[in-house]
Amino acid sequence: MLAQHERIERDLRGQTRVLKRLAEGASLDEILHTLVEVAEESRPEMIGSVLLLDSDGRLRNGASLRLPDEYIKAVDGVIPAADMGSCGTAAYLKRRVVVEDIATDPLWKMARNAALKASLRACWSEPIISTTGDVLGTFAMYYREPRKPSESDLDFVSSMGSLAALAIERVRHQNAVERERAVLTAIVNGIPDALVMTGLDRRITHFGGSAEKLFGYTADEVLGQTTELLYASSDDYKRMGDEHFNTISMTTTDATELIWRRKSGETFPGEIVGAVIRDEQGSPFAFLGLIRDITERKIAEERLAESQLKLVQSERLAAMGQMVSAIAHESRNALQRIQVGIDVLGYEIKSGTEAGDDLERISRAKDDLLKLHDGLRNFAGQIRLQRSTANLADAWRLAWGNLNVLRQGRDATLVENADGVDLECPHDAFRIEQVFRNLFENSLAATEDPVTIDITATKQIVDGRDAIVVTVRDNGPGLTAEQREKVFDAFFSTKPKGTGLGMAIALRFMQAHGGTIQIGQSRCDGAEFLLTFPKPADENAPANRNRR
């Protein structure tokens, strides 16, 4: 049986295979079959299946390698409902449905006979959800015996559902782009969006109404002028003359993306299809250009690329968290054994000796390794908050008190300004104490004595909700431009012994609370951070209050 970290590595390799097929431009059918193949290789006892929701709201077979044909036909065209098997229910409720025993579960009363005839006894189904929250289909894991999923199984089916959503959206977007190009070709042969015609000298002879609207010029303003005034770059104007608008060019429907300039000076991305117009004898007499504004499409492509990148990063981060959790127990045991050895040797080796110095270096190395281990676990692991309603001041005061050793011998003062502000709000006291401690540690490391850290709390309205905004400001040298840009990046640190995870972890903790942490005003006399804690929507709602 594979160890958990080996299974995670294998799952990541499988997901990479699916992403590679996606990058190669494979069809949706090929990508989904690769996804099922990867899933079944990872869980050999499992039978994978992808159903796609069609335009009529019915679930259709998208990919399956080992499900019996009779069963596929029996469930094809199912309409999602609250009691329509695992997949129909998951698509209807937009959440995962786990059925451990098909023979007894009431959700399968409509399709139970077909499933049992196919020797299917358990089914866990994950809805495939688009970035807009729409159901695209389902990813299902079938078993031939009643079965209860492990935490690893649930993580796996979730990642497969997310991967399927990425593939479906990407391929459909590509298909939409291809359809748009086909429409553009039809417009060239019919009624164009923005039609510009010139003589062989590239001086404008026709400037249609759509071109007037697109560029902001009237026909009278541009007739007789060269088309160079429409290009944002004179180099593009010359290049298009060499490649398209010359008498030896052939008629083509290939679109070229360029940056164009309106009369107002505003630039925009657009596609142009250029052609040489010839008479019946084949002699050239004019050039034709069809131009379409693709601003909205470029924005959509950028957003899709960003969402795909975030999805891949989140999957890798989740896998990293699982791997860290898997080895956490053994690595911590090893560090504890090292500490026991250090403690025992401490009784036998005198301090101040060469051996004592070696032992001290080993102890410091162990401490550094433990700090890095804990930082990675906080950064990559799943965050489970334990909220209670408490005073935020308790958290920052505890953080300041826990830094007594670091402040020993230092002239450091914490100044609090929170009079008249109700600091009671639901939060995980342990996590928020870590956030304040990271900020205080950075201030103490960056600031020469005397150190003054001002912490100010105010009540504000943020995004239409009551919120507590806590400002933490020191009297240090402030943040450089690079530090302001990268301060929340993982592994970025200005401290010689820092892990570079402190502020990245602080950001994760604040986001988990539904809040934010931001850099304050650009200052040369200190660093400033703003922490926003949203208040509950209903202050009178019952809560676990832990007033101190």
Protein backbone atom coordinates (compact mmCIF):
# COMPACT_ATOMS: atom_id res chain seq x y z
CA MET A 1 0.00 0.00 0.00
CA LEU A 2 1.40 3.41 -0.97
CA ALA A 3 2.39 5.88 1.72
CA GLN A 4 0.29 9.04 1.82
CA HIS A 5 3.06 11.28 0.48
CA GLU A 6 3.69 8.85 -2.40
CA ARG A 7 -0.01 8.90 -3.26
CA ILE A 8 -0.02 12.71 -3.18
CA GLU A 9 2.98 12.81 -5.52
CA ARG A 10 1.29 10.34 -7.87
CA ASP A 11 -1.94 12.38 -7.83
CA LEU A 12 0.04 15.52 -8.70
CA ARG A 13 1.73 13.76 -11.61
CA GLY A 14 -1.67 12.62 -12.84
CA GLN A 15 -3.13 16.11 -12.61
CA THR A 16 -0.12 17.41 -14.53
CA ARG A 17 -0.94 14.93 -17.33
CA VAL A 18 -4.44 16.37 -17.58
CA LEU A 19 -3.14 19.96 -17.59
CA LYS A 20 -0.62 19.02 -20.30
CA ARG A 21 -3.39 17.65 -22.51
CA LEU A 22 -5.30 20.87 -21.91
CA ALA A 23 -2.27 22.96 -22.90
CA GLU A 24 -1.82 20.86 -26.05
CA GLY A 25 -5.30 21.84 -27.22
CA ALA A 26 -6.85 18.37 -26.95
CA SER A 27 -10.62 18.05 -27.33
CA LEU A 28 -12.86 18.04 -24.28
CA ASP A 29 -13.65 14.37 -24.84
CA GLU A 30 -9.92 13.48 -24.84
CA ILE A 31 -9.19 15.59 -21.76
CA LEU A 32 -12.06 14.14 -19.72
CA HIS A 33 -11.09 10.57 -20.66
CA THR A 34 -7.52 11.34 -19.57
CA LEU A 35 -8.89 12.68 -16.27
CA VAL A 36 -10.88 9.46 -15.65
CA GLU A 37 -7.87 7.38 -16.64
CA VAL A 38 -5.66 9.27 -14.16
CA ALA A 39 -8.26 8.86 -11.41
CA GLU A 40 -8.58 5.11 -11.94
CA GLU A 41 -4.80 4.66 -12.02
CA SER A 42 -4.58 6.45 -8.68
CA ARG A 43 -7.46 4.42 -7.16
CA PRO A 44 -7.45 1.06 -9.03
CA GLU A 45 -10.48 -0.23 -7.11
CA MET A 46 -12.50 2.81 -8.17
CA ILE A 47 -14.57 3.31 -11.35
CA GLY A 48 -14.56 6.93 -12.53
CA SER A 49 -17.23 8.79 -14.45
CA VAL A 50 -17.86 12.34 -15.71
CA LEU A 51 -21.38 13.54 -16.53
CA LEU A 52 -21.96 16.85 -18.34
CA LEU A 53 -25.05 19.04 -17.97
CA ASP A 54 -26.49 19.77 -21.42
CA SER A 55 -28.46 22.82 -22.56
CA ASP A 56 -31.74 21.06 -21.61
CA GLY A 57 -30.61 20.62 -18.02
CA ARG A 58 -29.98 16.87 -18.33
CA LEU A 59 -26.88 14.93 -17.30
CA ARG A 60 -25.16 13.21 -20.22
CA ASN A 61 -22.21 10.82 -20.31
CA GLY A 62 -19.00 12.82 -20.67
CA ALA A 63 -16.34 10.20 -20.00
CA SER A 64 -16.20 6.68 -18.61
CA LEU A 65 -13.79 3.82 -19.21
CA ARG A 66 -15.17 0.96 -17.11
CA LEU A 67 -18.88 1.58 -16.46
CA PRO A 68 -21.10 -1.01 -18.20
CA ASP A 69 -22.84 0.28 -21.35
CA GLU A 70 -26.23 -0.84 -20.00
CA TYR A 71 -25.81 1.30 -16.90
CA ILE A 72 -24.61 4.34 -18.90
CA LYS A 73 -27.73 4.08 -21.09
CA ALA A 74 -29.97 3.68 -18.04
CA VAL A 75 -28.83 6.91 -16.38
CA ASP A 76 -28.24 8.98 -19.53
CA GLY A 77 -30.45 12.08 -19.59
CA VAL A 78 -31.15 12.17 -15.85
CA ILE A 79 -32.61 15.49 -14.66
CA PRO A 80 -30.92 16.69 -11.43
CA ALA A 81 -33.19 16.37 -8.42
CA ALA A 82 -32.97 16.05 -4.64
CA ASP A 83 -33.32 12.23 -4.73
CA MET A 84 -31.82 11.29 -8.10
CA GLY A 85 -28.85 9.15 -7.12
CA SER A 86 -25.46 10.57 -6.16
CA CYS A 87 -24.80 12.55 -9.35
CA GLY A 88 -28.32 13.87 -9.89
CA THR A 89 -28.50 15.00 -6.27
CA ALA A 90 -24.98 16.53 -6.29
CA ALA A 91 -25.81 18.55 -9.43
CA TYR A 92 -29.11 19.68 -7.92
CA LEU A 93 -27.72 20.66 -4.51
CA LYS A 94 -24.38 21.96 -5.86
CA ARG A 95 -22.49 20.02 -3.21
CA ARG A 96 -20.74 16.70 -2.77
CA VAL A 97 -22.97 13.66 -2.18
CA VAL A 98 -21.49 10.52 -0.60
CA VAL A 99 -23.53 7.31 -0.75
CA GLU A 100 -21.78 4.48 1.08
CA ASP A 101 -24.33 1.76 0.21
CA ILE A 102 -26.49 2.12 -2.91
CA ALA A 103 -28.60 -0.88 -1.86
CA THR A 104 -30.02 0.94 1.17
CA ASP A 105 -29.64 4.68 0.54
CA PRO A 106 -32.98 6.43 -0.25
CA LEU A 107 -31.29 8.75 -2.78
CA TRP A 108 -30.97 5.75 -5.13
CA LYS A 109 -34.57 4.58 -5.12
CA MET A 110 -35.04 5.68 -8.77
CA ALA A 111 -31.87 4.06 -10.17
CA ARG A 112 -31.09 1.40 -7.57
CA ASN A 113 -31.92 -1.62 -9.78
CA ALA A 114 -29.73 -0.41 -12.65
CA ALA A 115 -26.80 0.19 -10.32
CA LEU A 116 -27.07 -3.13 -8.50
CA LYS A 117 -27.41 -4.96 -11.83
CA ALA A 118 -24.10 -3.35 -12.84
CA SER A 119 -22.55 -4.50 -9.51
CA LEU A 120 -22.18 -0.93 -8.27
CA ARG A 121 -22.57 -0.62 -4.49
CA ALA A 122 -21.13 2.82 -3.53
CA CYS A 123 -20.94 6.18 -5.29
CA TRP A 124 -19.38 9.51 -4.24
CA SER A 125 -20.18 12.41 -6.55
CA GLU A 126 -18.58 15.87 -6.73
CA PRO A 127 -20.42 18.64 -8.62
CA ILE A 128 -18.31 20.36 -11.28
CA ILE A 129 -18.81 24.08 -10.65
CA SER A 130 -17.76 26.90 -13.00
CA THR A 131 -16.02 30.09 -11.86
CA THR A 132 -19.42 31.79 -12.07
CA GLY A 133 -21.03 29.22 -9.76
CA ASP A 134 -22.94 27.31 -12.47
CA VAL A 135 -23.10 23.50 -12.49
CA LEU A 136 -21.24 22.04 -15.48
CA GLY A 137 -21.63 18.37 -14.54
CA THR A 138 -20.40 15.85 -11.97
CA PHE A 139 -17.34 13.71 -11.26
CA ALA A 140 -18.23 10.36 -9.66
CA MET A 141 -16.24 7.60 -7.94
CA TYR A 142 -18.02 4.21 -7.99
CA TYR A 143 -17.08 1.09 -6.00
CA ARG A 144 -18.24 -2.52 -6.26
CA GLU A 145 -18.70 -2.86 -2.50
CA PRO A 146 -20.19 -0.59 0.16
CA ARG A 147 -17.49 1.89 1.09
CA LYS A 148 -16.92 4.90 3.31
CA PRO A 149 -14.52 7.59 1.99
CA SER A 150 -11.39 8.61 3.86
CA GLU A 151 -10.28 12.23 4.20
CA SER A 152 -7.79 11.56 1.40
CA ASP A 153 -10.59 10.21 -0.83
CA LEU A 154 -12.69 13.34 -0.25
CA ASP A 155 -9.74 15.60 -1.07
CA PHE A 156 -9.10 13.57 -4.21
CA VAL A 157 -12.68 13.73 -5.52
CA SER A 158 -12.72 17.47 -4.78
CA SER A 159 -9.50 18.08 -6.74
CA MET A 160 -10.80 16.00 -9.66
CA GLY A 161 -13.97 18.09 -9.74
CA SER A 162 -11.95 21.32 -9.79
CA LEU A 163 -9.68 19.97 -12.53
CA ALA A 164 -12.69 18.95 -14.63
CA ALA A 165 -14.18 22.45 -14.21
CA LEU A 166 -10.93 24.02 -15.41
CA ALA A 167 -10.84 21.73 -18.48
CA ILE A 168 -14.49 22.29 -19.41
CA GLU A 169 -14.32 26.08 -19.08
CA ARG A 170 -11.02 26.31 -20.96
CA VAL A 171 -12.16 24.16 -23.90
CA ARG A 172 -15.52 25.93 -24.13
CA HIS A 173 -13.71 29.26 -24.11
CA GLN A 174 -11.44 28.05 -26.93
CA ASN A 175 -14.47 26.92 -28.89
CA ALA A 176 -16.10 30.30 -28.32
CA VAL A 177 -12.96 32.03 -29.62
CA GLU A 178 -13.00 29.84 -32.74
CA ARG A 179 -16.66 30.60 -33.32
CA GLU A 180 -15.91 34.31 -33.01
CA ARG A 181 -13.21 34.04 -35.66
CA ALA A 182 -15.67 32.24 -37.95
CA VAL A 183 -18.14 35.08 -37.45
CA LEU A 184 -15.38 37.56 -38.31
CA THR A 185 -14.79 35.74 -41.60
CA ALA A 186 -18.50 35.90 -42.38
CA ILE A 187 -18.50 39.64 -41.69
CA VAL A 188 -15.63 40.13 -44.16
CA ASN A 189 -17.79 38.47 -46.80
CA GLY A 190 -20.91 40.40 -45.74
CA ILE A 191 -21.41 43.48 -43.63
CA PRO A 192 -18.20 44.45 -41.82
CA ASP A 193 -17.85 46.00 -38.38
CA ALA A 194 -15.30 48.63 -39.35
CA LEU A 195 -14.44 48.70 -43.03
CA VAL A 196 -11.54 50.79 -44.30
CA MET A 197 -10.58 50.83 -47.98
CA THR A 198 -7.51 52.50 -49.47
CA GLY A 199 -5.78 52.91 -52.78
CA LEU A 200 -2.50 51.17 -53.48
CA ASP A 201 -0.75 54.15 -51.86
CA ARG A 202 -2.65 53.24 -48.61
CA ARG A 203 -4.55 56.53 -48.62
CA ILE A 204 -8.12 56.14 -47.37
CA THR A 205 -10.84 56.07 -50.03
CA HIS A 206 -13.70 54.64 -47.96
CA PHE A 207 -14.37 54.97 -44.23
CA GLY A 208 -17.64 53.29 -43.23
CA GLY A 209 -20.04 54.31 -40.48
CA SER A 210 -18.80 51.50 -38.22
CA ALA A 211 -15.24 52.75 -38.71
CA GLU A 212 -16.35 56.27 -37.75
CA LYS A 213 -17.87 54.89 -34.56
CA LEU A 214 -14.82 52.78 -33.73
CA PHE A 215 -12.15 55.41 -34.32
CA GLY A 216 -14.06 58.64 -33.61
CA TYR A 217 -13.20 60.26 -36.95
CA THR A 218 -15.71 61.32 -39.58
CA ALA A 219 -15.12 60.13 -43.12
CA ASP A 220 -14.38 63.69 -44.24
CA GLU A 221 -11.56 63.95 -41.67
CA VAL A 222 -9.65 60.92 -42.91
CA LEU A 223 -10.36 60.60 -46.64
CA GLY A 224 -7.11 61.10 -48.58
CA GLN A 225 -4.91 60.45 -45.53
CA THR A 226 -2.81 57.33 -45.04
CA THR A 227 -4.01 54.72 -42.56
CA GLU A 228 -0.94 55.40 -40.40
CA LEU A 229 -3.06 57.78 -38.28
CA LEU A 230 -5.14 54.75 -37.13
CA TYR A 231 -2.14 52.73 -35.89
CA ALA A 232 -0.77 53.25 -32.39
CA SER A 233 2.70 52.32 -33.66
CA SER A 234 4.30 53.46 -36.90
CA ASP A 235 6.30 50.21 -36.85
CA ASP A 236 3.05 48.23 -37.06
CA TYR A 237 1.94 50.39 -39.98
CA LYS A 238 5.14 49.62 -41.87
CA ARG A 239 5.04 45.91 -40.97
CA MET A 240 1.45 45.53 -42.19
CA GLY A 241 2.49 47.15 -45.45
CA ASP A 242 5.27 44.59 -45.87
CA GLU A 243 3.15 41.59 -44.89
CA HIS A 244 -0.39 42.34 -46.13
CA PHE A 245 -0.98 45.63 -47.86
CA ASN A 246 1.16 45.25 -50.94
CA THR A 247 0.39 44.21 -54.51
CA ILE A 248 1.90 40.72 -54.19
CA SER A 249 -0.19 39.73 -51.14
CA MET A 250 -2.90 37.10 -51.52
CA THR A 251 -6.42 37.52 -50.13
CA THR A 252 -6.48 36.05 -46.61
CA THR A 253 -8.90 35.76 -43.72
CA ASP A 254 -6.15 35.43 -41.09
CA ALA A 255 -6.66 37.98 -38.31
CA THR A 256 -3.76 39.98 -36.88
CA GLU A 257 -3.91 41.55 -33.44
CA LEU A 258 -2.61 45.11 -33.20
CA ILE A 259 -2.96 48.19 -31.01
CA TRP A 260 -4.96 50.99 -32.62
CA ARG A 261 -5.44 54.68 -31.81
CA ARG A 262 -8.70 56.64 -31.75
CA LYS A 263 -9.05 60.33 -32.57
CA SER A 264 -9.06 61.04 -28.82
CA GLY A 265 -5.61 59.46 -28.46
CA GLU A 266 -7.00 56.44 -26.60
CA THR A 267 -5.53 53.12 -27.71
CA PHE A 268 -7.30 49.76 -27.89
CA PRO A 269 -6.57 46.19 -29.05
CA GLY A 270 -8.16 45.13 -32.30
CA GLU A 271 -8.03 42.43 -34.96
CA ILE A 272 -7.57 43.32 -38.60
CA VAL A 273 -8.18 41.17 -41.64
CA GLY A 274 -6.44 42.66 -44.66
CA ALA A 275 -6.86 41.83 -48.32
CA VAL A 276 -5.76 43.03 -51.74
CA ILE A 277 -8.71 43.90 -54.02
CA ARG A 278 -8.18 42.88 -57.65
CA ASP A 279 -10.17 43.42 -60.81
CA GLU A 280 -11.41 40.68 -63.13
CA GLN A 281 -8.04 40.54 -64.85
CA GLY A 282 -6.30 39.99 -61.49
CA SER A 283 -4.73 43.42 -61.35
CA PRO A 284 -4.64 44.99 -57.85
CA PHE A 285 -6.38 48.34 -57.41
CA ALA A 286 -7.17 48.69 -53.68
CA PHE A 287 -6.60 47.39 -50.17
CA LEU A 288 -9.38 46.37 -47.79
CA GLY A 289 -9.09 46.24 -44.01
CA LEU A 290 -11.71 44.91 -41.60
CA ILE A 291 -11.07 45.95 -37.99
CA ARG A 292 -12.81 44.67 -34.84
CA ASP A 293 -12.39 45.98 -31.30
CA ILE A 294 -11.42 42.99 -29.09
CA THR A 295 -11.05 44.87 -25.79
CA GLU A 296 -13.74 42.86 -24.01
CA ARG A 297 -12.38 39.58 -25.31
CA LYS A 298 -8.85 40.40 -24.16
CA ILE A 299 -10.17 41.27 -20.70
CA ALA A 300 -12.08 37.97 -20.59
CA GLU A 301 -8.99 36.02 -21.70
CA GLU A 302 -6.86 37.71 -19.03
CA ARG A 303 -9.45 36.92 -16.35
CA LEU A 304 -9.68 33.30 -17.49
CA ALA A 305 -5.88 32.93 -17.50
CA GLU A 306 -5.73 34.44 -14.02
CA SER A 307 -8.46 32.13 -12.71
CA GLN A 308 -6.73 29.09 -14.24
CA LEU A 309 -3.42 30.08 -12.67
CA LYS A 310 -5.08 30.56 -9.27
CA LEU A 311 -6.77 27.18 -9.57
CA VAL A 312 -3.52 25.38 -10.37
CA GLN A 313 -1.74 27.24 -7.58
CA SER A 314 -4.51 26.44 -5.08
CA GLU A 315 -4.38 22.75 -6.03
CA ARG A 316 -0.62 22.66 -5.60
CA LEU A 317 -0.92 24.53 -2.31
CA ALA A 318 -3.54 22.07 -1.10
CA ALA A 319 -1.32 19.15 -2.08
CA MET A 320 1.58 20.80 -0.30
CA GLY A 321 -0.53 21.20 2.81
CA GLN A 322 -1.53 17.55 2.71
CA MET A 323 2.07 16.46 2.33
CA VAL A 324 3.23 18.68 5.19
CA SER A 325 0.47 17.31 7.39
CA ALA A 326 1.39 13.75 6.43
CA ILE A 327 5.00 14.12 7.56
CA ALA A 328 4.31 16.51 10.44
CA HIS A 329 3.99 13.81 13.09
CA GLU A 330 7.20 11.95 12.20
CA SER A 331 9.26 15.12 11.71
CA ARG A 332 8.13 16.56 15.05
CA ASN A 333 8.99 13.27 16.76
CA ALA A 334 12.44 13.42 15.21
CA LEU A 335 12.95 16.99 16.45
CA GLN A 336 11.84 15.95 19.92
CA ARG A 337 14.36 13.11 19.93
CA ILE A 338 17.07 15.59 18.92
CA GLN A 339 16.03 17.87 21.79
CA VAL A 340 16.21 14.94 24.26
CA GLY A 341 19.72 14.17 23.03
CA ILE A 342 20.73 17.81 23.43
CA ASP A 343 19.33 17.90 26.96
CA VAL A 344 21.19 14.71 27.97
CA LEU A 345 24.47 15.91 26.47
CA GLY A 346 23.97 19.24 28.24
CA TYR A 347 24.53 17.48 31.57
CA GLU A 348 27.73 15.81 30.34
CA ILE A 349 29.35 18.63 28.35
CA LYS A 350 30.53 21.78 30.04
CA SER A 351 29.49 25.10 28.56
CA GLY A 352 32.31 27.26 27.22
CA THR A 353 34.21 24.27 25.86
CA GLU A 354 34.62 23.48 22.18
CA ALA A 355 32.17 20.58 22.55
CA GLY A 356 29.75 22.86 24.39
CA ASP A 357 29.89 25.37 21.53
CA ASP A 358 29.19 22.56 19.04
CA LEU A 359 26.21 21.45 21.10
CA GLU A 360 24.88 25.02 21.19
CA ARG A 361 25.12 25.25 17.39
CA ILE A 362 23.21 21.95 17.08
CA SER A 363 20.50 23.32 19.38
CA ARG A 364 20.17 26.53 17.36
CA ALA A 365 19.95 24.52 14.11
CA LYS A 366 17.20 22.40 15.66
CA ASP A 367 15.29 25.55 16.66
CA ASP A 368 15.62 26.97 13.14
CA LEU A 369 14.33 23.72 11.63
CA LEU A 370 11.36 23.65 14.03
CA LYS A 371 10.51 27.26 13.19
CA LEU A 372 10.63 26.52 9.45
CA HIS A 373 8.51 23.39 9.94
CA ASP A 374 5.83 25.28 11.88
CA GLY A 375 5.88 28.11 9.35
CA LEU A 376 5.35 25.77 6.41
CA ARG A 377 2.51 24.00 8.22
CA ASN A 378 0.75 27.30 8.98
CA PHE A 379 1.27 28.55 5.42
CA ALA A 380 0.29 25.42 3.46
CA GLY A 381 -2.04 23.56 5.81
CA GLN A 382 -5.80 23.87 5.99
CA ILE A 383 -6.95 26.62 8.36
CA ARG A 384 -9.62 25.57 10.86
CA LEU A 385 -10.61 28.58 12.92
CA GLN A 386 -11.82 28.28 16.51
CA ARG A 387 -13.75 31.52 16.88
CA SER A 388 -15.08 33.06 20.04
CA THR A 389 -16.20 36.60 20.72
CA ALA A 390 -13.38 38.31 22.59
CA ASN A 391 -11.52 41.61 22.89
CA LEU A 392 -8.92 42.19 20.16
CA ALA A 393 -6.75 44.10 22.62
CA ASP A 394 -6.22 40.84 24.53
CA ALA A 395 -4.67 39.33 21.41
CA TRP A 396 -2.17 42.13 20.77
CA ARG A 397 -1.28 42.40 24.46
CA LEU A 398 -0.62 38.66 24.61
CA ALA A 399 1.55 38.94 21.50
CA TRP A 400 3.54 41.80 23.07
CA GLY A 401 3.95 39.85 26.31
CA ASN A 402 5.15 36.75 24.46
CA LEU A 403 8.00 38.83 23.00
CA ASN A 404 9.52 39.59 26.43
CA VAL A 405 12.65 37.63 25.60
CA LEU A 406 13.07 39.41 22.27
CA ARG A 407 12.58 42.80 23.98
CA GLN A 408 14.96 42.06 26.84
CA GLY A 409 17.53 44.84 27.08
CA ARG A 410 15.69 46.89 24.44
CA ASP A 411 14.02 50.29 24.83
CA ALA A 412 10.68 49.28 23.30
CA THR A 413 7.23 50.68 24.02
CA LEU A 414 3.75 49.68 22.88
CA VAL A 415 1.33 52.63 22.75
CA GLU A 416 -2.38 51.77 22.60
CA ASN A 417 -5.06 54.13 21.26
CA ALA A 418 -8.43 52.41 21.43
CA ASP A 419 -10.50 54.51 23.83
CA GLY A 420 -14.23 54.37 23.16
CA VAL A 421 -13.97 51.59 20.56
CA ASP A 422 -15.81 48.32 21.16
CA LEU A 423 -13.12 45.75 20.40
CA GLU A 424 -15.35 42.73 20.93
CA CYS A 425 -15.68 40.60 17.78
CA PRO A 426 -15.59 36.89 16.85
CA HIS A 427 -12.07 35.69 16.05
CA ASP A 428 -9.61 32.87 16.62
CA ALA A 429 -7.53 34.34 19.43
CA PHE A 430 -4.54 32.06 18.77
CA ARG A 431 -4.34 32.94 15.04
CA ILE A 432 -4.83 36.68 15.55
CA GLU A 433 -2.17 36.71 18.30
CA GLN A 434 0.20 35.23 15.69
CA VAL A 435 -0.68 38.04 13.26
CA PHE A 436 0.16 40.75 15.82
CA ARG A 437 3.29 38.90 16.92
CA ASN A 438 4.60 38.81 13.31
CA LEU A 439 4.04 42.56 12.97
CA PHE A 440 5.73 43.31 16.31
CA GLU A 441 8.71 41.03 15.53
CA ASN A 442 9.26 42.77 12.20
CA SER A 443 9.12 46.21 13.85
CA LEU A 444 11.60 45.19 16.57
CA ALA A 445 13.96 43.73 13.97
CA ALA A 446 13.85 46.78 11.68
CA THR A 447 13.87 49.61 14.23
CA GLU A 448 16.74 50.92 16.33
CA ASP A 449 16.14 51.89 19.97
CA PRO A 450 14.11 53.59 21.19
CA VAL A 451 11.34 51.57 19.51
CA THR A 452 7.77 52.88 19.60
CA ILE A 453 4.92 50.81 18.19
CA ASP A 454 1.59 52.64 18.02
CA ILE A 455 -1.54 50.54 17.76
CA THR A 456 -4.77 52.41 17.03
CA ALA A 457 -8.29 50.99 16.73
CA THR A 458 -11.21 52.73 15.04
CA LYS A 459 -14.73 51.78 14.07
CA GLN A 460 -15.40 52.16 10.33
CA ILE A 461 -17.85 51.13 7.62
CA VAL A 462 -16.13 48.77 5.15
CA ASP A 463 -18.07 47.45 2.14
CA GLY A 464 -21.31 48.48 3.81
CA ARG A 465 -20.57 46.63 7.06
CA ASP A 466 -19.41 47.72 10.50
CA ALA A 467 -15.77 46.83 11.02
CA ILE A 468 -12.89 47.38 13.42
CA VAL A 469 -9.76 48.74 11.72
CA VAL A 470 -6.56 48.28 13.70
CA THR A 471 -3.52 50.30 12.58
CA VAL A 472 -0.05 49.12 13.64
CA ARG A 473 2.71 51.71 13.05
CA ASP A 474 6.34 51.80 14.15
CA ASN A 475 9.01 54.51 14.11
CA GLY A 476 11.47 52.53 12.00
CA PRO A 477 12.89 53.29 8.55
CA GLY A 478 9.67 52.37 6.72
CA LEU A 479 9.26 50.04 3.75
CA THR A 480 11.18 50.24 0.48
CA ALA A 481 9.36 50.02 -2.84
CA GLU A 482 10.42 46.36 -3.19
CA GLN A 483 9.27 45.54 0.34
CA ARG A 484 5.85 47.15 -0.27
CA GLU A 485 5.44 45.06 -3.41
CA LYS A 486 6.60 41.72 -1.97
CA VAL A 487 5.92 41.92 1.77
CA PHE A 488 3.09 39.35 1.59
CA ASP A 489 4.95 36.99 -0.79
CA ALA A 490 5.95 33.62 0.63
CA PHE A 491 9.67 33.23 1.41
CA PHE A 492 10.39 36.96 1.01
CA SER A 493 12.28 38.21 4.06
CA THR A 494 14.52 41.11 5.02
CA LYS A 495 15.70 39.37 8.19
CA PRO A 496 18.88 37.26 7.90
CA LYS A 497 17.31 34.36 9.83
CA GLY A 498 13.69 34.79 8.78
CA THR A 499 11.74 32.10 6.94
CA GLY A 500 9.90 34.69 4.85
CA LEU A 501 6.54 33.12 5.77
CA GLY A 502 5.40 35.39 8.61
CA MET A 503 3.50 38.00 6.60
CA ALA A 504 2.20 35.43 4.08
CA ILE A 505 0.75 33.49 7.03
CA ALA A 506 -0.70 36.69 8.52
CA LEU A 507 -2.45 37.39 5.21
CA ARG A 508 -3.94 33.85 5.14
CA PHE A 509 -5.18 34.16 8.74
CA MET A 510 -6.84 37.53 8.10
CA GLN A 511 -8.48 36.31 4.89
CA ALA A 512 -9.76 33.22 6.74
CA HIS A 513 -11.50 35.62 9.14
CA GLY A 514 -13.10 37.46 6.22
CA GLY A 515 -10.85 40.44 6.92
CA THR A 516 -7.86 42.09 5.28
CA ILE A 517 -4.32 43.18 6.06
CA GLN A 518 -2.91 46.00 3.96
CA ILE A 519 0.13 48.25 3.86
CA GLY A 520 -0.66 51.75 5.08
CA GLN A 521 0.49 55.07 3.71
CA SER A 522 3.91 55.36 2.10
CA ARG A 523 6.10 56.76 4.88
CA CYS A 524 9.82 57.24 5.43
CA ASP A 525 9.49 57.35 9.22
CA GLY A 526 7.98 53.98 9.90
CA ALA A 527 6.03 51.00 8.56
CA GLU A 528 2.24 51.00 8.80
CA PHE A 529 -0.22 48.10 8.44
CA LEU A 530 -4.02 48.20 8.54
CA LEU A 531 -5.97 45.17 9.78
CA THR A 532 -9.72 45.07 9.09
CA PHE A 533 -12.02 42.87 11.21
CA PRO A 534 -15.64 42.76 9.94
CA LYS A 535 -18.30 42.81 12.63
CA PRO A 536 -21.07 40.17 12.51
CA ALA A 537 -24.02 41.19 10.34
CA ASP A 538 -26.37 40.78 13.32
CA GLU A 539 -24.81 42.03 16.54
CA ASN A 540 -27.76 40.63 18.53
CA ALA A 541 -27.38 37.11 17.18
CA PRO A 542 -26.41 34.49 19.81
CA ALA A 543 -22.68 33.85 19.89
CA ASN A 544 -20.10 32.08 21.99
CA ARG A 545 -19.04 35.09 24.01
CA ASN A 546 -15.77 34.97 25.87
CA ARG A 547 -15.56 38.40 27.44
CA ARG A 548 -12.45 39.18 29.42
